[in-house]
């Protein structure tokens, strides 16, 4: 028998008594692999109209067959806009207690990308944690952390090295109580190295990064859930070339909370923070209390989510 508490069962919102339940470990083309009290099961949906689960979801299976009959209520879900030109949501992980946003220190931290990841995580209802990987390659960790703290808000920031073990102990509290942690980041940031270090064996392939820019190719090609020997659950996700936000207005506001707070003091309620008189945001920039580049990034992200919403609205009316 498998103790599903090790897979985070205690964190599930609602589990029907006596139901045959499982947690999705990975998704295939037409079925899903999950762990149940009696072991691993691979099961399809009963029909095309049934709700599709994602990695991290808790599902109910039929008592007499390996078929998914229902997806249990989610505590939360990390959802981004699907890559490419498709206007549809893509679930990255479900029922996540914390989300590690991985940023490599093999070069200057990309604060623009960090801001978008924070918006995605905050909108998904999870706790963001910024993890600066490959600290052994950084000449000045303190400077890197200071740069990240200009955009991190209330998110904790940790610098670690999966190779040397530096800083790894600081991540352990996030797994306490068999909590679930999802990993987000571009290719080559060290997600696979982290998972292998936690698992104590090479469960994921690791590809060398390019010398000229320290960027890697995709080694993780699917979302997958692992239970760590030390306790806690980790969900690995493929490297994201783009951080497309899907219906993330609240997450954007939370990621740029100081700008939103200032905006409440603008003379006009619909102030665009560009040329309007009485703009508290531009006044803060003029006083040197707020970076003009951060305001520009906020406006671009806001414009992007509004544009996406308009396109989706037009598509639904057709």
C-alpha atoms as a PDB file:
ATOM      1  CA  UNK A   1       0.000   0.000   0.000  1.00  0.00           C
ATOM      2  CA  UNK A   2       1.095   3.559  -0.754  1.00  0.00           C
ATOM      3  CA  UNK A   3       0.737   6.230   1.923  1.00  0.00           C
ATOM      4  CA  UNK A   4      -0.822   9.097  -0.040  1.00  0.00           C
ATOM      5  CA  UNK A   5      -0.004  11.520   2.769  1.00  0.00           C
ATOM      6  CA  UNK A   6       3.555  11.530   1.407  1.00  0.00           C
ATOM      7  CA  UNK A   7       2.047  12.836  -1.852  1.00  0.00           C
ATOM      8  CA  UNK A   8       0.386  15.773  -0.102  1.00  0.00           C
ATOM      9  CA  UNK A   9      -3.030  14.257   0.597  1.00  0.00           C
ATOM     10  CA  UNK A  10      -3.355  16.296   3.794  1.00  0.00           C
ATOM     11  CA  UNK A  11      -3.283  19.467   1.657  1.00  0.00           C
ATOM     12  CA  UNK A  12      -6.149  18.384  -0.623  1.00  0.00           C
ATOM     13  CA  UNK A  13      -9.286  20.487  -0.232  1.00  0.00           C
ATOM     14  CA  UNK A  14     -11.908  17.741  -0.247  1.00  0.00           C
ATOM     15  CA  UNK A  15     -11.583  13.975  -0.601  1.00  0.00           C
ATOM     16  CA  UNK A  16     -14.817  11.894  -0.641  1.00  0.00           C
ATOM     17  CA  UNK A  17     -14.747   9.181   2.012  1.00  0.00           C
ATOM     18  CA  UNK A  18     -14.256   5.753   0.501  1.00  0.00           C
ATOM     19  CA  UNK A  19     -13.430   7.116  -2.963  1.00  0.00           C
ATOM     20  CA  UNK A  20     -10.607   5.668  -4.989  1.00  0.00           C
ATOM     21  CA  UNK A  21      -8.365   8.680  -5.433  1.00  0.00           C
ATOM     22  CA  UNK A  22      -4.997   9.387  -6.994  1.00  0.00           C
ATOM     23  CA  UNK A  23      -2.681  12.292  -7.647  1.00  0.00           C
ATOM     24  CA  UNK A  24      -1.578  12.980 -11.209  1.00  0.00           C
ATOM     25  CA  UNK A  25       2.179  12.528 -11.666  1.00  0.00           C
ATOM     26  CA  UNK A  26       2.442  13.179 -15.381  1.00  0.00           C
ATOM     27  CA  UNK A  27       0.275  13.603 -18.468  1.00  0.00           C
ATOM     28  CA  UNK A  28       0.492  11.657 -21.703  1.00  0.00           C
ATOM     29  CA  UNK A  29      -1.262  12.250 -25.011  1.00  0.00           C
ATOM     30  CA  UNK A  30      -4.517  10.449 -24.216  1.00  0.00           C
ATOM     31  CA  UNK A  31      -4.178   9.387 -20.581  1.00  0.00           C
ATOM     32  CA  UNK A  32      -2.683  10.320 -17.234  1.00  0.00           C
ATOM     33  CA  UNK A  33      -0.252   8.556 -14.905  1.00  0.00           C
ATOM     34  CA  UNK A  34      -1.053   8.854 -11.214  1.00  0.00           C
ATOM     35  CA  UNK A  35      -0.303   7.306  -7.861  1.00  0.00           C
ATOM     36  CA  UNK A  36      -3.064   5.653  -5.825  1.00  0.00           C
ATOM     37  CA  UNK A  37      -3.126   3.826  -2.500  1.00  0.00           C
ATOM     38  CA  UNK A  38      -2.545   0.568  -4.383  1.00  0.00           C
ATOM     39  CA  UNK A  39       0.237   1.860  -6.630  1.00  0.00           C
ATOM     40  CA  UNK A  40       0.740   3.592  -9.961  1.00  0.00           C
ATOM     41  CA  UNK A  41      -2.155   3.705 -12.406  1.00  0.00           C
ATOM     42  CA  UNK A  42      -2.434   4.960 -15.974  1.00  0.00           C
ATOM     43  CA  UNK A  43      -5.982   6.037 -16.788  1.00  0.00           C
ATOM     44  CA  UNK A  44      -7.930   7.898 -19.487  1.00  0.00           C
ATOM     45  CA  UNK A  45     -11.019  10.088 -19.250  1.00  0.00           C
ATOM     46  CA  UNK A  46     -14.460   8.527 -19.797  1.00  0.00           C
ATOM     47  CA  UNK A  47     -15.183  10.871 -22.725  1.00  0.00           C
ATOM     48  CA  UNK A  48     -13.903  13.999 -24.501  1.00  0.00           C
ATOM     49  CA  UNK A  49     -16.239  16.322 -22.584  1.00  0.00           C
ATOM     50  CA  UNK A  50     -14.898  15.362 -19.163  1.00  0.00           C
ATOM     51  CA  UNK A  51     -12.693  17.868 -17.323  1.00  0.00           C
ATOM     52  CA  UNK A  52      -9.020  17.332 -18.078  1.00  0.00           C
ATOM     53  CA  UNK A  53      -6.743  17.087 -15.023  1.00  0.00           C
ATOM     54  CA  UNK A  54      -3.194  18.390 -14.838  1.00  0.00           C
ATOM     55  CA  UNK A  55      -0.074  17.425 -12.954  1.00  0.00           C
ATOM     56  CA  UNK A  56      -0.671  17.870  -9.226  1.00  0.00           C
ATOM     57  CA  UNK A  57      -4.436  17.381  -9.472  1.00  0.00           C
ATOM     58  CA  UNK A  58      -6.251  14.926  -7.230  1.00  0.00           C
ATOM     59  CA  UNK A  59      -8.713  12.780  -9.159  1.00  0.00           C
ATOM     60  CA  UNK A  60     -11.359  10.151  -8.467  1.00  0.00           C
ATOM     61  CA  UNK A  61     -11.124   6.844 -10.327  1.00  0.00           C
ATOM     62  CA  UNK A  62     -13.853   4.301 -10.938  1.00  0.00           C
ATOM     63  CA  UNK A  63     -13.918   1.546  -8.314  1.00  0.00           C
ATOM     64  CA  UNK A  64     -13.914  -1.228 -10.908  1.00  0.00           C
ATOM     65  CA  UNK A  65     -11.807   0.257 -13.731  1.00  0.00           C
ATOM     66  CA  UNK A  66      -8.793   2.508 -14.321  1.00  0.00           C
ATOM     67  CA  UNK A  67     -10.830   5.470 -15.595  1.00  0.00           C
ATOM     68  CA  UNK A  68     -10.848   9.036 -14.246  1.00  0.00           C
ATOM     69  CA  UNK A  69     -14.387   9.976 -13.202  1.00  0.00           C
ATOM     70  CA  UNK A  70     -13.796  13.396 -11.610  1.00  0.00           C
ATOM     71  CA  UNK A  71     -11.192  16.037 -10.813  1.00  0.00           C
ATOM     72  CA  UNK A  72     -11.348  17.045  -7.150  1.00  0.00           C
ATOM     73  CA  UNK A  73     -11.568  20.773  -6.247  1.00  0.00           C
ATOM     74  CA  UNK A  74      -8.202  22.500  -6.605  1.00  0.00           C
ATOM     75  CA  UNK A  75      -6.605  24.608  -3.908  1.00  0.00           C
ATOM     76  CA  UNK A  76      -4.998  26.617  -6.708  1.00  0.00           C
ATOM     77  CA  UNK A  77      -3.473  26.274 -10.164  1.00  0.00           C
ATOM     78  CA  UNK A  78      -0.572  27.840 -12.021  1.00  0.00           C
ATOM     79  CA  UNK A  79      -1.905  28.798 -15.443  1.00  0.00           C
ATOM     80  CA  UNK A  80      -0.149  30.573 -18.283  1.00  0.00           C
ATOM     81  CA  UNK A  81      -1.097  31.430 -21.849  1.00  0.00           C
ATOM     82  CA  UNK A  82      -0.165  28.553 -24.142  1.00  0.00           C
ATOM     83  CA  UNK A  83       3.057  29.092 -26.080  1.00  0.00           C
ATOM     84  CA  UNK A  84       2.907  30.365 -29.648  1.00  0.00           C
ATOM     85  CA  UNK A  85      -0.142  31.989 -31.200  1.00  0.00           C
ATOM     86  CA  UNK A  86      -2.769  29.898 -29.426  1.00  0.00           C
ATOM     87  CA  UNK A  87      -5.161  31.920 -27.272  1.00  0.00           C
ATOM     88  CA  UNK A  88      -5.855  29.316 -24.620  1.00  0.00           C
ATOM     89  CA  UNK A  89      -4.798  28.616 -21.038  1.00  0.00           C
ATOM     90  CA  UNK A  90      -2.202  25.982 -20.170  1.00  0.00           C
ATOM     91  CA  UNK A  91      -2.132  24.569 -16.659  1.00  0.00           C
ATOM     92  CA  UNK A  92       1.429  24.131 -15.398  1.00  0.00           C
ATOM     93  CA  UNK A  93       0.691  22.635 -11.972  1.00  0.00           C
ATOM     94  CA  UNK A  94      -2.138  22.314  -9.474  1.00  0.00           C
ATOM     95  CA  UNK A  95      -2.440  22.266  -5.680  1.00  0.00           C
ATOM     96  CA  UNK A  96       0.885  23.997  -5.130  1.00  0.00           C
ATOM     97  CA  UNK A  97       1.921  25.341  -1.719  1.00  0.00           C
ATOM     98  CA  UNK A  98       4.955  27.275  -2.939  1.00  0.00           C
ATOM     99  CA  UNK A  99       6.519  27.997  -6.291  1.00  0.00           C
ATOM    100  CA  UNK A 100      10.257  28.351  -6.817  1.00  0.00           C
ATOM    101  CA  UNK A 101      11.046  30.860  -9.564  1.00  0.00           C
ATOM    102  CA  UNK A 102      14.511  29.747 -10.678  1.00  0.00           C
ATOM    103  CA  UNK A 103      16.908  32.411 -11.945  1.00  0.00           C
ATOM    104  CA  UNK A 104      20.502  31.485 -12.899  1.00  0.00           C
ATOM    105  CA  UNK A 105      23.431  33.527 -11.592  1.00  0.00           C
ATOM    106  CA  UNK A 106      25.557  32.594 -14.602  1.00  0.00           C
ATOM    107  CA  UNK A 107      24.676  36.099 -15.824  1.00  0.00           C
ATOM    108  CA  UNK A 108      22.841  39.221 -14.598  1.00  0.00           C
ATOM    109  CA  UNK A 109      19.344  38.340 -13.255  1.00  0.00           C
ATOM    110  CA  UNK A 110      16.562  39.065 -15.747  1.00  0.00           C
ATOM    111  CA  UNK A 111      14.292  41.243 -13.602  1.00  0.00           C
ATOM    112  CA  UNK A 112      11.757  41.638 -16.411  1.00  0.00           C
ATOM    113  CA  UNK A 113      11.237  37.885 -16.541  1.00  0.00           C
ATOM    114  CA  UNK A 114      11.118  37.679 -12.741  1.00  0.00           C
ATOM    115  CA  UNK A 115       8.296  40.235 -12.633  1.00  0.00           C
ATOM    116  CA  UNK A 116       6.223  38.191 -15.078  1.00  0.00           C
ATOM    117  CA  UNK A 117       6.831  34.968 -13.163  1.00  0.00           C
ATOM    118  CA  UNK A 118       5.785  36.678  -9.937  1.00  0.00           C
ATOM    119  CA  UNK A 119       2.551  37.860 -11.577  1.00  0.00           C
ATOM    120  CA  UNK A 120       1.846  34.308 -12.777  1.00  0.00           C
ATOM    121  CA  UNK A 121       2.500  32.727  -9.373  1.00  0.00           C
ATOM    122  CA  UNK A 122       0.618  35.344  -7.357  1.00  0.00           C
ATOM    123  CA  UNK A 123      -2.369  35.139  -9.680  1.00  0.00           C
ATOM    124  CA  UNK A 124      -2.326  31.365  -9.243  1.00  0.00           C
ATOM    125  CA  UNK A 125      -2.685  31.699  -5.481  1.00  0.00           C
ATOM    126  CA  UNK A 126       0.660  30.188  -4.567  1.00  0.00           C
ATOM    127  CA  UNK A 127       3.583  31.537  -2.530  1.00  0.00           C
ATOM    128  CA  UNK A 128       6.423  32.777  -4.784  1.00  0.00           C
ATOM    129  CA  UNK A 129      10.022  32.115  -3.775  1.00  0.00           C
ATOM    130  CA  UNK A 130      12.866  33.433  -5.933  1.00  0.00           C
ATOM    131  CA  UNK A 131      15.713  30.911  -6.068  1.00  0.00           C
ATOM    132  CA  UNK A 132      18.963  32.165  -7.588  1.00  0.00           C
ATOM    133  CA  UNK A 133      20.684  29.065  -8.927  1.00  0.00           C
ATOM    134  CA  UNK A 134      24.308  28.404  -9.907  1.00  0.00           C
ATOM    135  CA  UNK A 135      25.607  30.687  -7.175  1.00  0.00           C
ATOM    136  CA  UNK A 136      29.029  29.051  -7.609  1.00  0.00           C
ATOM    137  CA  UNK A 137      29.293  30.871 -10.964  1.00  0.00           C
ATOM    138  CA  UNK A 138      28.539  34.323  -9.540  1.00  0.00           C
ATOM    139  CA  UNK A 139      31.306  36.774  -8.674  1.00  0.00           C
ATOM    140  CA  UNK A 140      29.080  38.911  -6.430  1.00  0.00           C
ATOM    141  CA  UNK A 141      26.057  37.153  -4.948  1.00  0.00           C
ATOM    142  CA  UNK A 142      25.191  40.163  -2.791  1.00  0.00           C
ATOM    143  CA  UNK A 143      24.907  42.416  -5.848  1.00  0.00           C
ATOM    144  CA  UNK A 144      22.718  39.870  -7.628  1.00  0.00           C
ATOM    145  CA  UNK A 145      20.401  39.568  -4.632  1.00  0.00           C
ATOM    146  CA  UNK A 146      20.182  43.355  -4.337  1.00  0.00           C
ATOM    147  CA  UNK A 147      19.196  43.586  -8.008  1.00  0.00           C
ATOM    148  CA  UNK A 148      16.467  40.966  -7.582  1.00  0.00           C
ATOM    149  CA  UNK A 149      15.126  42.611  -4.429  1.00  0.00           C
ATOM    150  CA  UNK A 150      14.223  45.703  -6.472  1.00  0.00           C
ATOM    151  CA  UNK A 151      11.372  43.670  -7.994  1.00  0.00           C
ATOM    152  CA  UNK A 152      10.822  40.790  -5.535  1.00  0.00           C
ATOM    153  CA  UNK A 153       8.294  42.520  -3.279  1.00  0.00           C
ATOM    154  CA  UNK A 154       7.425  40.237  -0.351  1.00  0.00           C
ATOM    155  CA  UNK A 155       8.858  37.130  -2.038  1.00  0.00           C
ATOM    156  CA  UNK A 156      11.794  35.474  -0.268  1.00  0.00           C
ATOM    157  CA  UNK A 157      15.089  35.352  -2.199  1.00  0.00           C
ATOM    158  CA  UNK A 158      17.616  32.523  -1.829  1.00  0.00           C
ATOM    159  CA  UNK A 159      20.943  31.919  -3.581  1.00  0.00           C
ATOM    160  CA  UNK A 160      21.863  28.254  -3.989  1.00  0.00           C
ATOM    161  CA  UNK A 161      24.087  25.838  -5.873  1.00  0.00           C
ATOM    162  CA  UNK A 162      22.849  22.310  -6.554  1.00  0.00           C
ATOM    163  CA  UNK A 163      26.421  21.324  -7.426  1.00  0.00           C
ATOM    164  CA  UNK A 164      28.112  22.449  -4.205  1.00  0.00           C
ATOM    165  CA  UNK A 165      25.065  22.295  -1.932  1.00  0.00           C
ATOM    166  CA  UNK A 166      25.474  25.949  -0.965  1.00  0.00           C
ATOM    167  CA  UNK A 167      22.205  27.419   0.349  1.00  0.00           C
ATOM    168  CA  UNK A 168      20.178  24.246  -0.256  1.00  0.00           C
ATOM    169  CA  UNK A 169      19.232  23.851   3.421  1.00  0.00           C
ATOM    170  CA  UNK A 170      17.325  27.161   3.278  1.00  0.00           C
ATOM    171  CA  UNK A 171      14.824  25.574   0.859  1.00  0.00           C
ATOM    172  CA  UNK A 172      13.894  22.660   3.121  1.00  0.00           C
ATOM    173  CA  UNK A 173      11.225  24.473   5.226  1.00  0.00           C
ATOM    174  CA  UNK A 174       9.080  24.962   2.103  1.00  0.00           C
ATOM    175  CA  UNK A 175       8.588  21.163   1.915  1.00  0.00           C
ATOM    176  CA  UNK A 176       7.564  20.687   5.564  1.00  0.00           C
ATOM    177  CA  UNK A 177       4.370  18.754   6.180  1.00  0.00           C
ATOM    178  CA  UNK A 178       4.631  17.068   2.768  1.00  0.00           C
ATOM    179  CA  UNK A 179       3.937  20.371   1.020  1.00  0.00           C
ATOM    180  CA  UNK A 180       4.107  20.654  -2.771  1.00  0.00           C
ATOM    181  CA  UNK A 181       6.596  22.957  -4.507  1.00  0.00           C
ATOM    182  CA  UNK A 182       6.531  23.693  -8.250  1.00  0.00           C
ATOM    183  CA  UNK A 183       9.621  24.753 -10.203  1.00  0.00           C
ATOM    184  CA  UNK A 184       9.383  27.484 -12.840  1.00  0.00           C
ATOM    185  CA  UNK A 185      12.121  28.877 -15.045  1.00  0.00           C
ATOM    186  CA  UNK A 186      13.666  29.000 -18.488  1.00  0.00           C
ATOM    187  CA  UNK A 187      15.734  26.168 -19.945  1.00  0.00           C
ATOM    188  CA  UNK A 188      19.164  25.807 -18.406  1.00  0.00           C
ATOM    189  CA  UNK A 189      18.352  27.425 -15.040  1.00  0.00           C
ATOM    190  CA  UNK A 190      19.043  24.215 -13.119  1.00  0.00           C
ATOM    191  CA  UNK A 191      15.609  22.685 -12.478  1.00  0.00           C
ATOM    192  CA  UNK A 192      16.740  19.162 -13.382  1.00  0.00           C
ATOM    193  CA  UNK A 193      19.888  19.477 -11.267  1.00  0.00           C
ATOM    194  CA  UNK A 194      17.792  20.500  -8.276  1.00  0.00           C
ATOM    195  CA  UNK A 195      15.380  17.588  -8.676  1.00  0.00           C
ATOM    196  CA  UNK A 196      18.251  15.123  -9.023  1.00  0.00           C
ATOM    197  CA  UNK A 197      19.920  16.528  -5.904  1.00  0.00           C
ATOM    198  CA  UNK A 198      16.710  16.166  -3.892  1.00  0.00           C
ATOM    199  CA  UNK A 199      15.989  12.674  -5.206  1.00  0.00           C
ATOM    200  CA  UNK A 200      19.523  11.444  -4.584  1.00  0.00           C
ATOM    201  CA  UNK A 201      19.767   9.997  -8.095  1.00  0.00           C
ATOM    202  CA  UNK A 202      19.634  11.129 -11.710  1.00  0.00           C
ATOM    203  CA  UNK A 203      15.901  10.935 -12.413  1.00  0.00           C
ATOM    204  CA  UNK A 204      16.090  13.735 -15.004  1.00  0.00           C
ATOM    205  CA  UNK A 205      18.554  14.286 -17.830  1.00  0.00           C
ATOM    206  CA  UNK A 206      20.832  17.309 -17.672  1.00  0.00           C
ATOM    207  CA  UNK A 207      22.163  18.993 -20.810  1.00  0.00           C
ATOM    208  CA  UNK A 208      25.237  21.198 -20.938  1.00  0.00           C
ATOM    209  CA  UNK A 209      24.652  24.918 -21.437  1.00  0.00           C
ATOM    210  CA  UNK A 210      26.246  26.911 -24.256  1.00  0.00           C
ATOM    211  CA  UNK A 211      29.499  28.551 -23.253  1.00  0.00           C
ATOM    212  CA  UNK A 212      28.764  31.859 -25.020  1.00  0.00           C
ATOM    213  CA  UNK A 213      25.516  32.676 -23.216  1.00  0.00           C
ATOM    214  CA  UNK A 214      25.100  29.942 -20.571  1.00  0.00           C
ATOM    215  CA  UNK A 215      21.706  29.012 -22.035  1.00  0.00           C
ATOM    216  CA  UNK A 216      20.519  25.418 -22.206  1.00  0.00           C
ATOM    217  CA  UNK A 217      18.202  23.425 -24.396  1.00  0.00           C
ATOM    218  CA  UNK A 218      14.979  21.838 -23.170  1.00  0.00           C
ATOM    219  CA  UNK A 219      15.809  18.704 -21.171  1.00  0.00           C
ATOM    220  CA  UNK A 220      12.465  18.523 -19.358  1.00  0.00           C
ATOM    221  CA  UNK A 221       9.766  17.979 -21.977  1.00  0.00           C
ATOM    222  CA  UNK A 222       6.789  17.371 -19.708  1.00  0.00           C
ATOM    223  CA  UNK A 223       5.457  18.314 -16.307  1.00  0.00           C
ATOM    224  CA  UNK A 224       6.194  15.634 -13.716  1.00  0.00           C
ATOM    225  CA  UNK A 225       5.631  15.122  -9.984  1.00  0.00           C
ATOM    226  CA  UNK A 226       8.187  13.556  -7.625  1.00  0.00           C
ATOM    227  CA  UNK A 227       8.106  12.667  -3.925  1.00  0.00           C
ATOM    228  CA  UNK A 228      11.381  13.539  -2.252  1.00  0.00           C
ATOM    229  CA  UNK A 229      13.034  10.955   0.045  1.00  0.00           C
ATOM    230  CA  UNK A 230      13.389  13.732   2.648  1.00  0.00           C
ATOM    231  CA  UNK A 231       9.667  14.517   2.439  1.00  0.00           C
ATOM    232  CA  UNK A 232       7.605  16.882   0.353  1.00  0.00           C
ATOM    233  CA  UNK A 233       6.539  16.913  -3.267  1.00  0.00           C
ATOM    234  CA  UNK A 234       8.200  18.706  -6.182  1.00  0.00           C
ATOM    235  CA  UNK A 235       6.646  19.358  -9.598  1.00  0.00           C
ATOM    236  CA  UNK A 236       9.142  19.912 -12.407  1.00  0.00           C
ATOM    237  CA  UNK A 237       7.991  21.876 -15.460  1.00  0.00           C
ATOM    238  CA  UNK A 238       9.525  22.327 -18.930  1.00  0.00           C
ATOM    239  CA  UNK A 239      11.618  25.431 -19.521  1.00  0.00           C
ATOM    240  CA  UNK A 240       9.484  28.376 -20.616  1.00  0.00           C
ATOM    241  CA  UNK A 241      10.820  30.509 -23.466  1.00  0.00           C
ATOM    242  CA  UNK A 242       8.019  33.008 -22.871  1.00  0.00           C
ATOM    243  CA  UNK A 243       6.008  33.834 -19.767  1.00  0.00           C
ATOM    244  CA  UNK A 244       2.577  34.411 -21.274  1.00  0.00           C
ATOM    245  CA  UNK A 245       0.066  35.570 -18.667  1.00  0.00           C
ATOM    246  CA  UNK A 246      -3.521  34.333 -18.805  1.00  0.00           C
ATOM    247  CA  UNK A 247      -6.249  36.354 -17.051  1.00  0.00           C
ATOM    248  CA  UNK A 248      -3.670  37.521 -14.515  1.00  0.00           C
ATOM    249  CA  UNK A 249      -4.880  41.015 -13.598  1.00  0.00           C
ATOM    250  CA  UNK A 250      -4.701  40.384  -9.844  1.00  0.00           C
ATOM    251  CA  UNK A 251      -1.299  38.749 -10.128  1.00  0.00           C
ATOM    252  CA  UNK A 252       0.074  41.711 -12.102  1.00  0.00           C
ATOM    253  CA  UNK A 253      -1.204  44.130  -9.464  1.00  0.00           C
ATOM    254  CA  UNK A 254       0.354  42.041  -6.690  1.00  0.00           C
ATOM    255  CA  UNK A 255       3.692  41.883  -8.521  1.00  0.00           C
ATOM    256  CA  UNK A 256       3.734  45.682  -8.943  1.00  0.00           C
ATOM    257  CA  UNK A 257       2.005  46.526  -5.687  1.00  0.00           C
ATOM    258  CA  UNK A 258       3.892  49.787  -5.057  1.00  0.00           C
ATOM    259  CA  UNK A 259       2.790  51.168  -8.443  1.00  0.00           C
ATOM    260  CA  UNK A 260      -0.814  50.122  -7.879  1.00  0.00           C
ATOM    261  CA  UNK A 261      -0.745  51.798  -4.467  1.00  0.00           C
ATOM    262  CA  UNK A 262       0.535  55.041  -5.981  1.00  0.00           C
ATOM    263  CA  UNK A 263      -2.030  54.850  -8.792  1.00  0.00           C
ATOM    264  CA  UNK A 264      -4.802  55.154  -6.219  1.00  0.00           C
ATOM    265  CA  UNK A 265      -3.554  58.717  -5.588  1.00  0.00           C
ATOM    266  CA  UNK A 266      -3.734  59.811  -9.244  1.00  0.00           C
ATOM    267  CA  UNK A 267      -6.134  62.662 -10.045  1.00  0.00           C
ATOM    268  CA  UNK A 268      -8.023  60.534 -12.579  1.00  0.00           C
ATOM    269  CA  UNK A 269      -9.271  57.038 -11.816  1.00  0.00           C
ATOM    270  CA  UNK A 270      -8.445  55.851 -15.332  1.00  0.00           C
ATOM    271  CA  UNK A 271      -4.990  57.410 -15.401  1.00  0.00           C
ATOM    272  CA  UNK A 272      -2.711  55.688 -17.912  1.00  0.00           C
ATOM    273  CA  UNK A 273       0.424  57.036 -16.145  1.00  0.00           C
ATOM    274  CA  UNK A 274       1.782  58.562 -19.337  1.00  0.00           C
ATOM    275  CA  UNK A 275       0.839  62.223 -19.921  1.00  0.00           C
ATOM    276  CA  UNK A 276      -2.145  62.829 -17.616  1.00  0.00           C
ATOM    277  CA  UNK A 277      -1.919  65.729 -15.139  1.00  0.00           C
ATOM    278  CA  UNK A 278      -1.893  64.821 -11.473  1.00  0.00           C
ATOM    279  CA  UNK A 279      -0.334  61.376 -12.045  1.00  0.00           C
ATOM    280  CA  UNK A 280       1.069  60.174  -8.711  1.00  0.00           C
ATOM    281  CA  UNK A 281       3.092  57.439 -10.417  1.00  0.00           C
ATOM    282  CA  UNK A 282       5.002  59.804 -12.709  1.00  0.00           C
ATOM    283  CA  UNK A 283       5.455  62.194  -9.797  1.00  0.00           C
ATOM    284  CA  UNK A 284       7.143  59.402  -7.811  1.00  0.00           C
ATOM    285  CA  UNK A 285       9.441  58.738 -10.775  1.00  0.00           C
ATOM    286  CA  UNK A 286      10.321  62.437 -10.942  1.00  0.00           C
ATOM    287  CA  UNK A 287      11.199  62.432  -7.241  1.00  0.00           C
ATOM    288  CA  UNK A 288      13.463  59.416  -7.733  1.00  0.00           C
ATOM    289  CA  UNK A 289      11.276  57.181  -5.548  1.00  0.00           C
ATOM    290  CA  UNK A 290      10.325  54.847  -8.376  1.00  0.00           C
ATOM    291  CA  UNK A 291      12.288  53.530 -11.376  1.00  0.00           C
ATOM    292  CA  UNK A 292      10.933  54.700 -14.727  1.00  0.00           C
ATOM    293  CA  UNK A 293      11.884  51.341 -16.286  1.00  0.00           C
ATOM    294  CA  UNK A 294       9.781  49.452 -13.741  1.00  0.00           C
ATOM    295  CA  UNK A 295       6.768  51.635 -14.571  1.00  0.00           C
ATOM    296  CA  UNK A 296       7.310  50.982 -18.280  1.00  0.00           C
ATOM    297  CA  UNK A 297       7.460  47.228 -17.652  1.00  0.00           C
ATOM    298  CA  UNK A 298       4.250  47.416 -15.613  1.00  0.00           C
ATOM    299  CA  UNK A 299       2.464  49.279 -18.398  1.00  0.00           C
ATOM    300  CA  UNK A 300       3.681  46.777 -21.006  1.00  0.00           C
ATOM    301  CA  UNK A 301       2.518  43.781 -18.960  1.00  0.00           C
ATOM    302  CA  UNK A 302      -0.829  45.473 -18.302  1.00  0.00           C
ATOM    303  CA  UNK A 303      -1.234  46.270 -21.990  1.00  0.00           C
ATOM    304  CA  UNK A 304      -0.404  42.679 -22.882  1.00  0.00           C
ATOM    305  CA  UNK A 305      -3.061  41.181 -20.603  1.00  0.00           C
ATOM    306  CA  UNK A 306      -5.648  43.704 -21.808  1.00  0.00           C
ATOM    307  CA  UNK A 307      -4.826  42.924 -25.446  1.00  0.00           C
ATOM    308  CA  UNK A 308      -5.127  39.204 -24.810  1.00  0.00           C
ATOM    309  CA  UNK A 309      -8.495  39.664 -23.082  1.00  0.00           C
ATOM    310  CA  UNK A 310      -9.762  41.689 -26.053  1.00  0.00           C
ATOM    311  CA  UNK A 311      -8.647  39.017 -28.541  1.00  0.00           C
ATOM    312  CA  UNK A 312     -10.287  36.249 -26.540  1.00  0.00           C
ATOM    313  CA  UNK A 313     -13.479  38.316 -26.263  1.00  0.00           C
ATOM    314  CA  UNK A 314     -13.611  38.829 -30.034  1.00  0.00           C
ATOM    315  CA  UNK A 315     -13.011  35.128 -30.657  1.00  0.00           C
ATOM    316  CA  UNK A 316     -15.893  34.154 -28.356  1.00  0.00           C
ATOM    317  CA  UNK A 317     -18.297  36.521 -30.142  1.00  0.00           C
ATOM    318  CA  UNK A 318     -17.632  34.960 -33.549  1.00  0.00           C
END
